[in-house]
């Protein structure tokens, strides 16, 4: 993959980031409903992709992005500075655990594309391993600290492997969250679901449930995926 990924309104340089631009981040950045949010928190921003997408979608929001890895944080900071949204984007090189202790802002929407491999073989590249494995950020901590930093009507949106969906919902409930939106995604019509996007809120509401295919055929995005990603991808 190229060291720079060009979107319609911004560029993500990623040669020093362990978390490269990928479909998961793009889906979450395009799907999370941040339309009414004034203060947004992006946990584990990597190269800054999701924060940039949310800044494009909500021109009134200020976005705080935290990143534990120093090289990734520096790269995200550079990407923020080179964007037209730079005055609304703040990068903090800290773990979620430390950030929560020092933070005084209540966030209207929290987003996270969390490390999702649990108890599995790690990548020899330490930076990529940190980005992909949940040793540094487990579901329990994600929900616990998000709850403490969330405004009364706030929301939390994540994307995770489909096989960890029930686990995430259970841990979320234990920490005061209720499911509001679910989107289950199949790679194509012939395969089983492999990703789930979830939005949680602090009060129970009717749940919105969707399911669709990322691709309708080989290398051809489904109509749903095109509609979601068209504001960002140059070729859609």
C-alpha atoms as a PDB file:
ATOM      1  CA  UNK A   1       0.000   0.000   0.000  1.00  0.00           C
ATOM      2  CA  UNK A   2       1.199   3.509  -0.755  1.00  0.00           C
ATOM      3  CA  UNK A   3       2.583   5.659   2.046  1.00  0.00           C
ATOM      4  CA  UNK A   4      -0.077   8.262   1.215  1.00  0.00           C
ATOM      5  CA  UNK A   5      -3.795   7.669   0.759  1.00  0.00           C
ATOM      6  CA  UNK A   6      -5.632  10.447  -1.056  1.00  0.00           C
ATOM      7  CA  UNK A   7      -9.260  11.077  -0.169  1.00  0.00           C
ATOM      8  CA  UNK A   8     -11.565  13.674  -1.709  1.00  0.00           C
ATOM      9  CA  UNK A   9     -10.940  16.320   0.944  1.00  0.00           C
ATOM     10  CA  UNK A  10      -7.758  15.224   2.738  1.00  0.00           C
ATOM     11  CA  UNK A  11      -4.640  13.058   2.515  1.00  0.00           C
ATOM     12  CA  UNK A  12      -3.459  10.455   5.009  1.00  0.00           C
ATOM     13  CA  UNK A  13       0.293   9.867   5.073  1.00  0.00           C
ATOM     14  CA  UNK A  14       0.918   6.594   6.897  1.00  0.00           C
ATOM     15  CA  UNK A  15       4.499   5.394   6.522  1.00  0.00           C
ATOM     16  CA  UNK A  16       5.168   5.697  10.285  1.00  0.00           C
ATOM     17  CA  UNK A  17       1.807   4.479  11.558  1.00  0.00           C
ATOM     18  CA  UNK A  18       1.163   0.932  12.751  1.00  0.00           C
ATOM     19  CA  UNK A  19      -2.506   1.300  11.881  1.00  0.00           C
ATOM     20  CA  UNK A  20      -2.715   1.776   8.099  1.00  0.00           C
ATOM     21  CA  UNK A  21      -5.707   3.095   6.205  1.00  0.00           C
ATOM     22  CA  UNK A  22      -8.133   0.217   5.864  1.00  0.00           C
ATOM     23  CA  UNK A  23     -11.738  -0.594   5.157  1.00  0.00           C
ATOM     24  CA  UNK A  24     -12.662  -0.938   8.848  1.00  0.00           C
ATOM     25  CA  UNK A  25     -11.614   2.600   9.691  1.00  0.00           C
ATOM     26  CA  UNK A  26     -13.275   4.002   6.593  1.00  0.00           C
ATOM     27  CA  UNK A  27     -16.546   2.244   7.381  1.00  0.00           C
ATOM     28  CA  UNK A  28     -16.598   3.511  10.962  1.00  0.00           C
ATOM     29  CA  UNK A  29     -15.636   7.053   9.993  1.00  0.00           C
ATOM     30  CA  UNK A  30     -18.427   7.160   7.425  1.00  0.00           C
ATOM     31  CA  UNK A  31     -21.085   5.343   9.502  1.00  0.00           C
ATOM     32  CA  UNK A  32     -20.935   6.794  13.041  1.00  0.00           C
ATOM     33  CA  UNK A  33     -23.717   9.352  13.470  1.00  0.00           C
ATOM     34  CA  UNK A  34     -21.893  12.472  14.634  1.00  0.00           C
ATOM     35  CA  UNK A  35     -24.340  14.937  13.089  1.00  0.00           C
ATOM     36  CA  UNK A  36     -25.274  16.593  16.384  1.00  0.00           C
ATOM     37  CA  UNK A  37     -21.953  16.216  18.220  1.00  0.00           C
ATOM     38  CA  UNK A  38     -19.972  19.248  19.312  1.00  0.00           C
ATOM     39  CA  UNK A  39     -17.108  17.384  20.982  1.00  0.00           C
ATOM     40  CA  UNK A  40     -15.864  14.086  19.540  1.00  0.00           C
ATOM     41  CA  UNK A  41     -13.191  11.732  20.873  1.00  0.00           C
ATOM     42  CA  UNK A  42     -11.315   9.327  18.581  1.00  0.00           C
ATOM     43  CA  UNK A  43      -9.601   6.659  20.674  1.00  0.00           C
ATOM     44  CA  UNK A  44      -6.500   5.148  19.048  1.00  0.00           C
ATOM     45  CA  UNK A  45      -6.481   7.397  16.006  1.00  0.00           C
ATOM     46  CA  UNK A  46      -3.451   5.792  14.319  1.00  0.00           C
ATOM     47  CA  UNK A  47      -2.699   7.932  11.278  1.00  0.00           C
ATOM     48  CA  UNK A  48      -5.719  10.151  12.005  1.00  0.00           C
ATOM     49  CA  UNK A  49      -8.047   8.689   9.384  1.00  0.00           C
ATOM     50  CA  UNK A  50     -11.301   8.489  11.366  1.00  0.00           C
ATOM     51  CA  UNK A  51     -10.810  11.885  13.009  1.00  0.00           C
ATOM     52  CA  UNK A  52     -10.323  13.471   9.578  1.00  0.00           C
ATOM     53  CA  UNK A  53     -13.435  11.765   8.211  1.00  0.00           C
ATOM     54  CA  UNK A  54     -15.517  12.992  11.136  1.00  0.00           C
ATOM     55  CA  UNK A  55     -14.146  16.514  10.752  1.00  0.00           C
ATOM     56  CA  UNK A  56     -15.234  16.444   7.105  1.00  0.00           C
ATOM     57  CA  UNK A  57     -18.720  15.196   7.996  1.00  0.00           C
ATOM     58  CA  UNK A  58     -19.413  17.564  10.888  1.00  0.00           C
ATOM     59  CA  UNK A  59     -18.073  21.046  10.227  1.00  0.00           C
ATOM     60  CA  UNK A  60     -19.139  22.303  13.665  1.00  0.00           C
ATOM     61  CA  UNK A  61     -17.423  19.663  15.770  1.00  0.00           C
ATOM     62  CA  UNK A  62     -14.086  19.768  17.538  1.00  0.00           C
ATOM     63  CA  UNK A  63     -12.313  16.415  17.499  1.00  0.00           C
ATOM     64  CA  UNK A  64      -9.794  15.194  20.045  1.00  0.00           C
ATOM     65  CA  UNK A  65      -7.749  12.212  18.876  1.00  0.00           C
ATOM     66  CA  UNK A  66      -5.605  10.188  21.252  1.00  0.00           C
ATOM     67  CA  UNK A  67      -2.867   7.775  20.204  1.00  0.00           C
ATOM     68  CA  UNK A  68      -0.556   5.775  22.486  1.00  0.00           C
ATOM     69  CA  UNK A  69       2.219   5.210  19.909  1.00  0.00           C
ATOM     70  CA  UNK A  70       4.552   8.201  19.520  1.00  0.00           C
ATOM     71  CA  UNK A  71       5.358   7.668  15.824  1.00  0.00           C
ATOM     72  CA  UNK A  72       1.720   7.196  14.876  1.00  0.00           C
ATOM     73  CA  UNK A  73       0.764  10.242  16.945  1.00  0.00           C
ATOM     74  CA  UNK A  74       3.359  12.383  15.167  1.00  0.00           C
ATOM     75  CA  UNK A  75       2.056  11.194  11.810  1.00  0.00           C
ATOM     76  CA  UNK A  76      -1.554  11.926  12.740  1.00  0.00           C
ATOM     77  CA  UNK A  77      -0.509  15.385  13.925  1.00  0.00           C
ATOM     78  CA  UNK A  78       1.126  16.001  10.536  1.00  0.00           C
ATOM     79  CA  UNK A  79      -1.974  14.801   8.687  1.00  0.00           C
ATOM     80  CA  UNK A  80      -4.174  17.058  10.820  1.00  0.00           C
ATOM     81  CA  UNK A  81      -1.933  20.071  10.199  1.00  0.00           C
ATOM     82  CA  UNK A  82      -2.024  19.504   6.435  1.00  0.00           C
ATOM     83  CA  UNK A  83      -5.821  19.295   6.304  1.00  0.00           C
ATOM     84  CA  UNK A  84      -8.372  22.068   5.938  1.00  0.00           C
ATOM     85  CA  UNK A  85      -9.843  20.951   9.282  1.00  0.00           C
ATOM     86  CA  UNK A  86      -6.668  21.589  11.296  1.00  0.00           C
ATOM     87  CA  UNK A  87      -8.220  24.221  13.575  1.00  0.00           C
ATOM     88  CA  UNK A  88     -10.767  21.672  14.849  1.00  0.00           C
ATOM     89  CA  UNK A  89      -8.437  18.703  15.350  1.00  0.00           C
ATOM     90  CA  UNK A  90      -6.311  18.055  18.447  1.00  0.00           C
ATOM     91  CA  UNK A  91      -3.844  15.186  18.815  1.00  0.00           C
ATOM     92  CA  UNK A  92      -2.792  13.874  22.227  1.00  0.00           C
ATOM     93  CA  UNK A  93      -0.064  11.228  22.539  1.00  0.00           C
ATOM     94  CA  UNK A  94      -1.426   9.307  25.542  1.00  0.00           C
ATOM     95  CA  UNK A  95      -3.057   6.063  26.504  1.00  0.00           C
ATOM     96  CA  UNK A  96      -6.797   6.146  27.118  1.00  0.00           C
ATOM     97  CA  UNK A  97      -6.169   5.294  30.741  1.00  0.00           C
ATOM     98  CA  UNK A  98      -3.946   8.342  31.325  1.00  0.00           C
ATOM     99  CA  UNK A  99      -6.046  10.629  29.147  1.00  0.00           C
ATOM    100  CA  UNK A 100      -9.178   9.889  31.159  1.00  0.00           C
ATOM    101  CA  UNK A 101      -7.408  10.879  34.395  1.00  0.00           C
ATOM    102  CA  UNK A 102      -6.397  14.273  32.997  1.00  0.00           C
ATOM    103  CA  UNK A 103      -9.363  15.034  30.754  1.00  0.00           C
ATOM    104  CA  UNK A 104     -12.064  17.547  31.738  1.00  0.00           C
ATOM    105  CA  UNK A 105     -14.165  17.513  28.541  1.00  0.00           C
ATOM    106  CA  UNK A 106     -17.438  15.616  28.187  1.00  0.00           C
ATOM    107  CA  UNK A 107     -17.738  14.130  24.719  1.00  0.00           C
ATOM    108  CA  UNK A 108     -20.934  13.860  22.678  1.00  0.00           C
ATOM    109  CA  UNK A 109     -19.599  11.003  20.552  1.00  0.00           C
ATOM    110  CA  UNK A 110     -16.705   8.617  21.103  1.00  0.00           C
ATOM    111  CA  UNK A 111     -15.393   6.484  18.238  1.00  0.00           C
ATOM    112  CA  UNK A 112     -12.899   3.651  18.318  1.00  0.00           C
ATOM    113  CA  UNK A 113     -11.575   1.112  15.857  1.00  0.00           C
ATOM    114  CA  UNK A 114     -10.139  -0.942  18.712  1.00  0.00           C
ATOM    115  CA  UNK A 115      -7.346  -3.515  18.733  1.00  0.00           C
ATOM    116  CA  UNK A 116      -9.326  -6.703  18.310  1.00  0.00           C
ATOM    117  CA  UNK A 117      -7.071  -9.745  18.387  1.00  0.00           C
ATOM    118  CA  UNK A 118      -7.274 -11.315  21.840  1.00  0.00           C
ATOM    119  CA  UNK A 119      -4.938 -14.091  23.020  1.00  0.00           C
ATOM    120  CA  UNK A 120      -3.574 -14.646  19.529  1.00  0.00           C
ATOM    121  CA  UNK A 121      -0.097 -14.767  17.996  1.00  0.00           C
ATOM    122  CA  UNK A 122       1.398 -11.310  17.768  1.00  0.00           C
ATOM    123  CA  UNK A 123       3.015  -9.604  14.802  1.00  0.00           C
ATOM    124  CA  UNK A 124       6.791  -9.371  14.965  1.00  0.00           C
ATOM    125  CA  UNK A 125       6.421  -5.648  14.229  1.00  0.00           C
ATOM    126  CA  UNK A 126       5.826  -4.125  17.690  1.00  0.00           C
ATOM    127  CA  UNK A 127       3.993  -1.108  16.291  1.00  0.00           C
ATOM    128  CA  UNK A 128       1.585  -3.191  14.244  1.00  0.00           C
ATOM    129  CA  UNK A 129       1.109  -5.569  17.170  1.00  0.00           C
ATOM    130  CA  UNK A 130       0.146  -2.681  19.453  1.00  0.00           C
ATOM    131  CA  UNK A 131      -2.348  -1.450  16.883  1.00  0.00           C
ATOM    132  CA  UNK A 132      -3.972  -4.838  16.349  1.00  0.00           C
ATOM    133  CA  UNK A 133      -3.879  -6.632  19.723  1.00  0.00           C
ATOM    134  CA  UNK A 134      -5.979  -5.689  22.714  1.00  0.00           C
ATOM    135  CA  UNK A 135      -3.278  -5.859  25.415  1.00  0.00           C
ATOM    136  CA  UNK A 136      -3.204  -2.044  25.618  1.00  0.00           C
ATOM    137  CA  UNK A 137      -6.973  -1.489  25.328  1.00  0.00           C
ATOM    138  CA  UNK A 138      -9.513  -4.142  26.241  1.00  0.00           C
ATOM    139  CA  UNK A 139     -13.273  -3.860  25.794  1.00  0.00           C
ATOM    140  CA  UNK A 140     -13.725  -3.434  29.553  1.00  0.00           C
ATOM    141  CA  UNK A 141     -11.462  -0.379  29.601  1.00  0.00           C
ATOM    142  CA  UNK A 142     -12.926   1.076  26.435  1.00  0.00           C
ATOM    143  CA  UNK A 143     -16.462   1.068  27.817  1.00  0.00           C
ATOM    144  CA  UNK A 144     -15.463   1.962  31.371  1.00  0.00           C
ATOM    145  CA  UNK A 145     -13.459   5.056  30.451  1.00  0.00           C
ATOM    146  CA  UNK A 146     -15.817   6.135  27.661  1.00  0.00           C
ATOM    147  CA  UNK A 147     -18.681   6.112  30.161  1.00  0.00           C
ATOM    148  CA  UNK A 148     -16.768   8.425  32.473  1.00  0.00           C
ATOM    149  CA  UNK A 149     -16.040  10.946  29.694  1.00  0.00           C
ATOM    150  CA  UNK A 150     -19.406  10.967  27.935  1.00  0.00           C
ATOM    151  CA  UNK A 151     -22.040  13.696  27.942  1.00  0.00           C
ATOM    152  CA  UNK A 152     -25.563  12.829  29.092  1.00  0.00           C
ATOM    153  CA  UNK A 153     -26.835  12.202  25.562  1.00  0.00           C
ATOM    154  CA  UNK A 154     -23.538  10.909  24.226  1.00  0.00           C
ATOM    155  CA  UNK A 155     -22.850   7.905  22.002  1.00  0.00           C
ATOM    156  CA  UNK A 156     -20.026   5.419  21.458  1.00  0.00           C
ATOM    157  CA  UNK A 157     -19.423   3.812  18.052  1.00  0.00           C
ATOM    158  CA  UNK A 158     -17.017   0.956  17.286  1.00  0.00           C
ATOM    159  CA  UNK A 159     -16.222  -1.593  14.588  1.00  0.00           C
ATOM    160  CA  UNK A 160     -15.194  -5.113  15.630  1.00  0.00           C
ATOM    161  CA  UNK A 161     -15.035  -8.670  14.268  1.00  0.00           C
ATOM    162  CA  UNK A 162     -18.501 -10.222  14.048  1.00  0.00           C
ATOM    163  CA  UNK A 163     -17.490 -13.090  16.331  1.00  0.00           C
ATOM    164  CA  UNK A 164     -16.862 -10.633  19.199  1.00  0.00           C
ATOM    165  CA  UNK A 165     -20.214  -8.857  18.823  1.00  0.00           C
ATOM    166  CA  UNK A 166     -22.011 -10.571  21.715  1.00  0.00           C
ATOM    167  CA  UNK A 167     -18.978 -10.138  23.970  1.00  0.00           C
ATOM    168  CA  UNK A 168     -18.877  -6.397  23.272  1.00  0.00           C
ATOM    169  CA  UNK A 169     -22.614  -5.969  23.857  1.00  0.00           C
ATOM    170  CA  UNK A 170     -22.399  -7.814  27.177  1.00  0.00           C
ATOM    171  CA  UNK A 171     -19.431  -5.794  28.442  1.00  0.00           C
ATOM    172  CA  UNK A 172     -21.065  -2.581  27.264  1.00  0.00           C
ATOM    173  CA  UNK A 173     -24.198  -3.399  29.267  1.00  0.00           C
ATOM    174  CA  UNK A 174     -22.112  -4.099  32.361  1.00  0.00           C
ATOM    175  CA  UNK A 175     -20.682  -0.589  32.014  1.00  0.00           C
ATOM    176  CA  UNK A 176     -23.975   1.275  31.575  1.00  0.00           C
ATOM    177  CA  UNK A 177     -24.387   1.238  27.787  1.00  0.00           C
ATOM    178  CA  UNK A 178     -27.321   0.139  25.620  1.00  0.00           C
ATOM    179  CA  UNK A 179     -27.125  -0.820  21.949  1.00  0.00           C
ATOM    180  CA  UNK A 180     -28.671   1.786  19.625  1.00  0.00           C
ATOM    181  CA  UNK A 181     -27.482   0.769  16.132  1.00  0.00           C
ATOM    182  CA  UNK A 182     -26.124  -2.447  14.644  1.00  0.00           C
ATOM    183  CA  UNK A 183     -24.687  -2.965  11.189  1.00  0.00           C
ATOM    184  CA  UNK A 184     -23.511  -6.495  10.354  1.00  0.00           C
ATOM    185  CA  UNK A 185     -21.394  -6.718   7.220  1.00  0.00           C
ATOM    186  CA  UNK A 186     -20.647  -9.679   4.946  1.00  0.00           C
ATOM    187  CA  UNK A 187     -17.620  -9.461   2.630  1.00  0.00           C
ATOM    188  CA  UNK A 188     -19.920 -10.581  -0.204  1.00  0.00           C
ATOM    189  CA  UNK A 189     -23.249 -12.439  -0.620  1.00  0.00           C
ATOM    190  CA  UNK A 190     -21.534 -15.832  -0.455  1.00  0.00           C
ATOM    191  CA  UNK A 191     -19.705 -15.436   2.854  1.00  0.00           C
ATOM    192  CA  UNK A 192     -20.702 -15.083   6.492  1.00  0.00           C
ATOM    193  CA  UNK A 193     -20.607 -11.802   8.396  1.00  0.00           C
ATOM    194  CA  UNK A 194     -17.099 -10.795   9.446  1.00  0.00           C
ATOM    195  CA  UNK A 195     -17.523  -7.232  10.788  1.00  0.00           C
ATOM    196  CA  UNK A 196     -20.030  -5.478  13.030  1.00  0.00           C
ATOM    197  CA  UNK A 197     -20.475  -1.767  13.618  1.00  0.00           C
ATOM    198  CA  UNK A 198     -22.159  -0.854  16.886  1.00  0.00           C
ATOM    199  CA  UNK A 199     -23.398   2.367  18.442  1.00  0.00           C
ATOM    200  CA  UNK A 200     -24.134   2.490  22.167  1.00  0.00           C
ATOM    201  CA  UNK A 201     -25.990   5.099  24.210  1.00  0.00           C
ATOM    202  CA  UNK A 202     -26.624   5.634  27.919  1.00  0.00           C
ATOM    203  CA  UNK A 203     -30.394   5.061  27.760  1.00  0.00           C
ATOM    204  CA  UNK A 204     -32.370   2.199  26.180  1.00  0.00           C
ATOM    205  CA  UNK A 205     -34.009   2.994  22.841  1.00  0.00           C
ATOM    206  CA  UNK A 206     -35.385   0.956  19.932  1.00  0.00           C
ATOM    207  CA  UNK A 207     -32.484  -0.738  18.176  1.00  0.00           C
ATOM    208  CA  UNK A 208     -31.787  -0.015  14.505  1.00  0.00           C
ATOM    209  CA  UNK A 209     -30.456  -3.153  12.804  1.00  0.00           C
ATOM    210  CA  UNK A 210     -28.969  -3.419   9.302  1.00  0.00           C
ATOM    211  CA  UNK A 211     -27.091  -6.061   7.368  1.00  0.00           C
ATOM    212  CA  UNK A 212     -25.447  -5.701   3.987  1.00  0.00           C
ATOM    213  CA  UNK A 213     -22.599  -6.883   1.799  1.00  0.00           C
ATOM    214  CA  UNK A 214     -19.409  -4.898   1.358  1.00  0.00           C
ATOM    215  CA  UNK A 215     -19.016  -6.207  -2.211  1.00  0.00           C
ATOM    216  CA  UNK A 216     -21.791  -7.305  -4.536  1.00  0.00           C
ATOM    217  CA  UNK A 217     -19.216  -9.184  -6.637  1.00  0.00           C
ATOM    218  CA  UNK A 218     -15.437  -9.356  -6.910  1.00  0.00           C
ATOM    219  CA  UNK A 219     -13.924  -5.897  -6.405  1.00  0.00           C
ATOM    220  CA  UNK A 220     -17.293  -4.168  -6.950  1.00  0.00           C
ATOM    221  CA  UNK A 221     -18.719  -2.359  -3.942  1.00  0.00           C
ATOM    222  CA  UNK A 222     -22.352  -2.947  -3.097  1.00  0.00           C
ATOM    223  CA  UNK A 223     -24.745  -0.033  -3.498  1.00  0.00           C
ATOM    224  CA  UNK A 224     -24.837   0.389   0.298  1.00  0.00           C
ATOM    225  CA  UNK A 225     -21.052   0.556   0.540  1.00  0.00           C
ATOM    226  CA  UNK A 226     -20.870   3.011  -2.366  1.00  0.00           C
ATOM    227  CA  UNK A 227     -23.415   5.309  -0.763  1.00  0.00           C
ATOM    228  CA  UNK A 228     -21.549   5.254   2.540  1.00  0.00           C
ATOM    229  CA  UNK A 229     -18.037   5.750   1.169  1.00  0.00           C
ATOM    230  CA  UNK A 230     -18.704   8.003  -1.843  1.00  0.00           C
ATOM    231  CA  UNK A 231     -18.103  11.272   0.067  1.00  0.00           C
ATOM    232  CA  UNK A 232     -14.513  10.114   0.713  1.00  0.00           C
ATOM    233  CA  UNK A 233     -13.184   7.768  -1.970  1.00  0.00           C
ATOM    234  CA  UNK A 234     -11.877   9.430  -5.118  1.00  0.00           C
ATOM    235  CA  UNK A 235     -13.165   6.715  -7.444  1.00  0.00           C
ATOM    236  CA  UNK A 236     -16.708   6.499  -6.074  1.00  0.00           C
END
